[in-house]
Amino acid sequence: MAATSVLEPMVVLYRFTGEPKYLEFARYIVKSWDEPNGPKIIATLLKEKQVNKTANGKAYEMLSNLVGLCELARATGIGRCWSRC
């Protein structure tokens, strides 16, 4: 989960520069969460409804990922951006 905590900075870079490559990378990060070898962030949150049961359970990493997800939703205007980004 630590590797995907760069989601928010990537979205911020996109918002400041308008460079599509940053948005593409942010979308790639979100999609990787539920890949076969990924941390299963969205699937676990939807199933367990507890952040402490998600991935490695580290609150600061989870918060960073969730803030990034919120920023991505703001930047794209897509409310459920994990399924449609």
N, C-alpha and C. Protein backbone atom coordinates (compact mmCIF):
# COMPACT_ATOMS: atom_id res chain seq x y z
N MET A 1 0.82 -1.18 0.00
CA MET A 1 0.00 0.00 0.00
C MET A 1 0.87 1.26 0.00
N ALA A 2 2.06 1.18 0.54
CA ALA A 2 2.93 2.36 0.57
C ALA A 2 3.27 2.83 -0.84
N ALA A 3 3.46 1.89 -1.76
CA ALA A 3 3.83 2.25 -3.12
C ALA A 3 2.74 3.05 -3.83
N THR A 4 1.51 2.87 -3.43
CA THR A 4 0.42 3.61 -4.08
C THR A 4 0.04 4.88 -3.34
N SER A 5 0.76 5.22 -2.30
CA SER A 5 0.44 6.43 -1.56
C SER A 5 0.88 7.70 -2.30
N VAL A 6 1.44 7.54 -3.49
CA VAL A 6 1.80 8.70 -4.32
C VAL A 6 0.62 9.16 -5.17
N LEU A 7 -0.54 8.57 -4.97
CA LEU A 7 -1.72 8.92 -5.76
C LEU A 7 -2.04 10.41 -5.66
N GLU A 8 -2.13 10.93 -4.46
CA GLU A 8 -2.47 12.35 -4.29
C GLU A 8 -1.47 13.27 -5.00
N PRO A 9 -0.16 13.10 -4.79
CA PRO A 9 0.78 13.98 -5.50
C PRO A 9 0.66 13.90 -7.02
N MET A 10 0.35 12.73 -7.55
CA MET A 10 0.18 12.60 -9.01
C MET A 10 -1.04 13.40 -9.49
N VAL A 11 -2.12 13.34 -8.72
CA VAL A 11 -3.31 14.10 -9.10
C VAL A 11 -3.04 15.60 -8.97
N VAL A 12 -2.33 16.00 -7.94
CA VAL A 12 -1.98 17.42 -7.77
C VAL A 12 -1.11 17.89 -8.94
N LEU A 13 -0.14 17.07 -9.33
CA LEU A 13 0.68 17.43 -10.49
C LEU A 13 -0.18 17.60 -11.74
N TYR A 14 -1.12 16.70 -11.91
CA TYR A 14 -2.02 16.80 -13.06
C TYR A 14 -2.82 18.11 -13.00
N ARG A 15 -3.36 18.42 -11.84
CA ARG A 15 -4.19 19.63 -11.72
C ARG A 15 -3.38 20.90 -11.97
N PHE A 16 -2.11 20.91 -11.55
CA PHE A 16 -1.29 22.10 -11.74
C PHE A 16 -0.72 22.21 -13.15
N THR A 17 -0.39 21.08 -13.77
CA THR A 17 0.26 21.12 -15.07
C THR A 17 -0.67 20.84 -16.24
N GLY A 18 -1.74 20.08 -15.99
CA GLY A 18 -2.63 19.68 -17.07
C GLY A 18 -2.05 18.55 -17.92
N GLU A 19 -0.92 18.01 -17.51
CA GLU A 19 -0.27 16.92 -18.25
C GLU A 19 -1.05 15.62 -18.10
N PRO A 20 -1.56 15.05 -19.17
CA PRO A 20 -2.34 13.82 -19.09
C PRO A 20 -1.58 12.63 -18.50
N LYS A 21 -0.25 12.63 -18.64
CA LYS A 21 0.52 11.48 -18.13
C LYS A 21 0.36 11.33 -16.62
N TYR A 22 0.18 12.41 -15.90
CA TYR A 22 0.00 12.32 -14.45
C TYR A 22 -1.37 11.73 -14.11
N LEU A 23 -2.38 12.13 -14.85
CA LEU A 23 -3.72 11.57 -14.64
C LEU A 23 -3.74 10.09 -15.02
N GLU A 24 -3.08 9.74 -16.11
CA GLU A 24 -3.00 8.33 -16.51
C GLU A 24 -2.33 7.50 -15.44
N PHE A 25 -1.25 8.02 -14.86
CA PHE A 25 -0.56 7.28 -13.81
C PHE A 25 -1.44 7.14 -12.57
N ALA A 26 -2.17 8.18 -12.22
CA ALA A 26 -3.09 8.11 -11.08
C ALA A 26 -4.15 7.05 -11.30
N ARG A 27 -4.69 7.00 -12.50
CA ARG A 27 -5.68 5.97 -12.82
C ARG A 27 -5.07 4.57 -12.75
N TYR A 28 -3.85 4.45 -13.22
CA TYR A 28 -3.15 3.16 -13.15
C TYR A 28 -2.99 2.71 -11.69
N ILE A 29 -2.65 3.64 -10.82
CA ILE A 29 -2.48 3.32 -9.40
C ILE A 29 -3.78 2.76 -8.83
N VAL A 30 -4.89 3.44 -9.09
CA VAL A 30 -6.18 3.00 -8.55
C VAL A 30 -6.55 1.62 -9.10
N LYS A 31 -6.34 1.43 -10.37
CA LYS A 31 -6.65 0.13 -10.97
C LYS A 31 -5.78 -0.98 -10.39
N SER A 32 -4.54 -0.65 -10.02
CA SER A 32 -3.63 -1.66 -9.47
C SER A 32 -4.05 -2.14 -8.09
N TRP A 33 -4.87 -1.37 -7.40
CA TRP A 33 -5.29 -1.76 -6.05
C TRP A 33 -5.98 -3.11 -6.02
N ASP A 34 -6.75 -3.41 -7.04
CA ASP A 34 -7.50 -4.67 -7.03
C ASP A 34 -7.03 -5.66 -8.09
N GLU A 35 -5.80 -5.49 -8.56
CA GLU A 35 -5.19 -6.48 -9.45
C GLU A 35 -4.92 -7.76 -8.64
N PRO A 36 -4.72 -8.90 -9.30
CA PRO A 36 -4.50 -10.16 -8.57
C PRO A 36 -3.44 -10.10 -7.46
N ASN A 37 -2.34 -9.40 -7.69
CA ASN A 37 -1.30 -9.30 -6.66
C ASN A 37 -1.31 -7.95 -5.93
N GLY A 38 -2.36 -7.19 -6.13
CA GLY A 38 -2.46 -5.87 -5.51
C GLY A 38 -2.95 -5.94 -4.07
N PRO A 39 -3.02 -4.80 -3.40
CA PRO A 39 -3.41 -4.77 -1.99
C PRO A 39 -4.91 -4.95 -1.74
N LYS A 40 -5.72 -5.01 -2.78
CA LYS A 40 -7.19 -5.23 -2.65
C LYS A 40 -7.85 -4.15 -1.79
N ILE A 41 -7.46 -2.92 -1.99
CA ILE A 41 -7.95 -1.83 -1.15
C ILE A 41 -9.46 -1.63 -1.29
N ILE A 42 -9.94 -1.43 -2.50
CA ILE A 42 -11.37 -1.17 -2.70
C ILE A 42 -12.21 -2.38 -2.35
N ALA A 43 -11.82 -3.54 -2.83
CA ALA A 43 -12.60 -4.76 -2.55
C ALA A 43 -12.71 -5.03 -1.05
N THR A 44 -11.62 -4.85 -0.34
CA THR A 44 -11.64 -5.10 1.10
C THR A 44 -12.46 -4.05 1.84
N LEU A 45 -12.33 -2.78 1.45
CA LEU A 45 -13.14 -1.74 2.09
C LEU A 45 -14.63 -1.99 1.88
N LEU A 46 -15.00 -2.39 0.67
CA LEU A 46 -16.41 -2.65 0.39
C LEU A 46 -16.91 -3.89 1.14
N LYS A 47 -16.06 -4.88 1.29
CA LYS A 47 -16.47 -6.11 1.96
C LYS A 47 -16.44 -5.97 3.48
N GLU A 48 -15.32 -5.54 4.03
CA GLU A 48 -15.12 -5.48 5.49
C GLU A 48 -15.69 -4.22 6.12
N LYS A 49 -15.69 -3.13 5.36
CA LYS A 49 -16.14 -1.82 5.86
C LYS A 49 -15.34 -1.34 7.07
N GLN A 50 -14.06 -1.74 7.09
CA GLN A 50 -13.15 -1.34 8.16
C GLN A 50 -11.77 -1.10 7.56
N VAL A 51 -11.21 0.08 7.81
CA VAL A 51 -9.90 0.37 7.24
C VAL A 51 -8.80 -0.46 7.87
N ASN A 52 -8.97 -0.89 9.12
CA ASN A 52 -7.92 -1.67 9.77
C ASN A 52 -7.84 -3.10 9.23
N LYS A 53 -8.78 -3.51 8.42
CA LYS A 53 -8.76 -4.84 7.80
C LYS A 53 -8.23 -4.78 6.37
N THR A 54 -7.83 -3.59 5.94
CA THR A 54 -7.43 -3.36 4.55
C THR A 54 -5.92 -3.39 4.40
N ALA A 55 -5.46 -4.14 3.40
CA ALA A 55 -4.04 -4.24 3.06
C ALA A 55 -3.21 -4.53 4.32
N ASN A 56 -2.25 -3.67 4.64
CA ASN A 56 -1.40 -3.92 5.80
C ASN A 56 -1.90 -3.22 7.06
N GLY A 57 -3.02 -2.53 6.97
CA GLY A 57 -3.64 -1.91 8.14
C GLY A 57 -2.94 -0.67 8.68
N LYS A 58 -2.01 -0.11 7.93
CA LYS A 58 -1.30 1.09 8.40
C LYS A 58 -2.14 2.32 8.08
N ALA A 59 -2.54 3.01 9.12
CA ALA A 59 -3.47 4.13 8.99
C ALA A 59 -2.93 5.25 8.11
N TYR A 60 -1.68 5.59 8.24
CA TYR A 60 -1.14 6.71 7.47
C TYR A 60 -1.07 6.38 5.98
N GLU A 61 -0.81 5.13 5.64
CA GLU A 61 -0.80 4.74 4.24
C GLU A 61 -2.23 4.72 3.69
N MET A 62 -3.15 4.21 4.48
CA MET A 62 -4.55 4.16 4.05
C MET A 62 -5.09 5.56 3.84
N LEU A 63 -4.80 6.47 4.78
CA LEU A 63 -5.26 7.84 4.66
C LEU A 63 -4.70 8.49 3.40
N SER A 64 -3.44 8.28 3.14
CA SER A 64 -2.82 8.85 1.95
C SER A 64 -3.51 8.35 0.69
N ASN A 65 -3.81 7.06 0.64
CA ASN A 65 -4.50 6.50 -0.52
C ASN A 65 -5.91 7.05 -0.66
N LEU A 66 -6.64 7.17 0.44
CA LEU A 66 -8.01 7.67 0.38
C LEU A 66 -8.08 9.15 0.02
N VAL A 67 -7.14 9.93 0.53
CA VAL A 67 -7.07 11.35 0.14
C VAL A 67 -6.77 11.45 -1.35
N GLY A 68 -5.87 10.61 -1.84
CA GLY A 68 -5.58 10.59 -3.27
C GLY A 68 -6.80 10.22 -4.10
N LEU A 69 -7.58 9.27 -3.60
CA LEU A 69 -8.79 8.87 -4.30
C LEU A 69 -9.79 10.02 -4.34
N CYS A 70 -9.91 10.76 -3.26
CA CYS A 70 -10.79 11.94 -3.24
C CYS A 70 -10.31 12.99 -4.23
N GLU A 71 -9.02 13.22 -4.28
CA GLU A 71 -8.47 14.20 -5.22
C GLU A 71 -8.70 13.76 -6.66
N LEU A 72 -8.58 12.47 -6.91
CA LEU A 72 -8.83 11.96 -8.26
C LEU A 72 -10.29 12.15 -8.64
N ALA A 73 -11.19 11.91 -7.71
CA ALA A 73 -12.61 12.12 -7.97
C ALA A 73 -12.89 13.60 -8.27
N ARG A 74 -12.25 14.48 -7.54
CA ARG A 74 -12.43 15.92 -7.79
C ARG A 74 -11.89 16.31 -9.16
N ALA A 75 -10.73 15.78 -9.50
CA ALA A 75 -10.09 16.14 -10.77
C ALA A 75 -10.84 15.61 -11.97
N THR A 76 -11.47 14.46 -11.83
CA THR A 76 -12.15 13.84 -12.97
C THR A 76 -13.65 14.07 -12.97
N GLY A 77 -14.20 14.44 -11.81
CA GLY A 77 -15.64 14.61 -11.70
C GLY A 77 -16.38 13.28 -11.62
N ILE A 78 -15.64 12.22 -11.43
CA ILE A 78 -16.24 10.88 -11.35
C ILE A 78 -16.30 10.46 -9.90
N GLY A 79 -17.50 10.26 -9.38
CA GLY A 79 -17.68 9.92 -7.97
C GLY A 79 -17.13 8.56 -7.59
N ARG A 80 -17.33 7.56 -8.42
CA ARG A 80 -16.80 6.22 -8.13
C ARG A 80 -15.61 5.98 -9.04
N CYS A 81 -14.55 6.76 -8.83
CA CYS A 81 -13.45 6.73 -9.79
C CYS A 81 -12.67 5.42 -9.79
N TRP A 82 -12.81 4.60 -8.78
CA TRP A 82 -12.08 3.32 -8.81
C TRP A 82 -12.66 2.37 -9.85
N SER A 83 -13.91 2.57 -10.22
CA SER A 83 -14.51 1.66 -11.19
C SER A 83 -14.61 2.25 -12.59
N ARG A 84 -14.42 3.58 -12.73
CA ARG A 84 -14.60 4.21 -14.04
C ARG A 84 -13.50 5.16 -14.44
N CYS A 85 -12.45 5.31 -13.70
CA CYS A 85 -11.40 6.28 -14.05
C CYS A 85 -10.73 5.92 -15.35
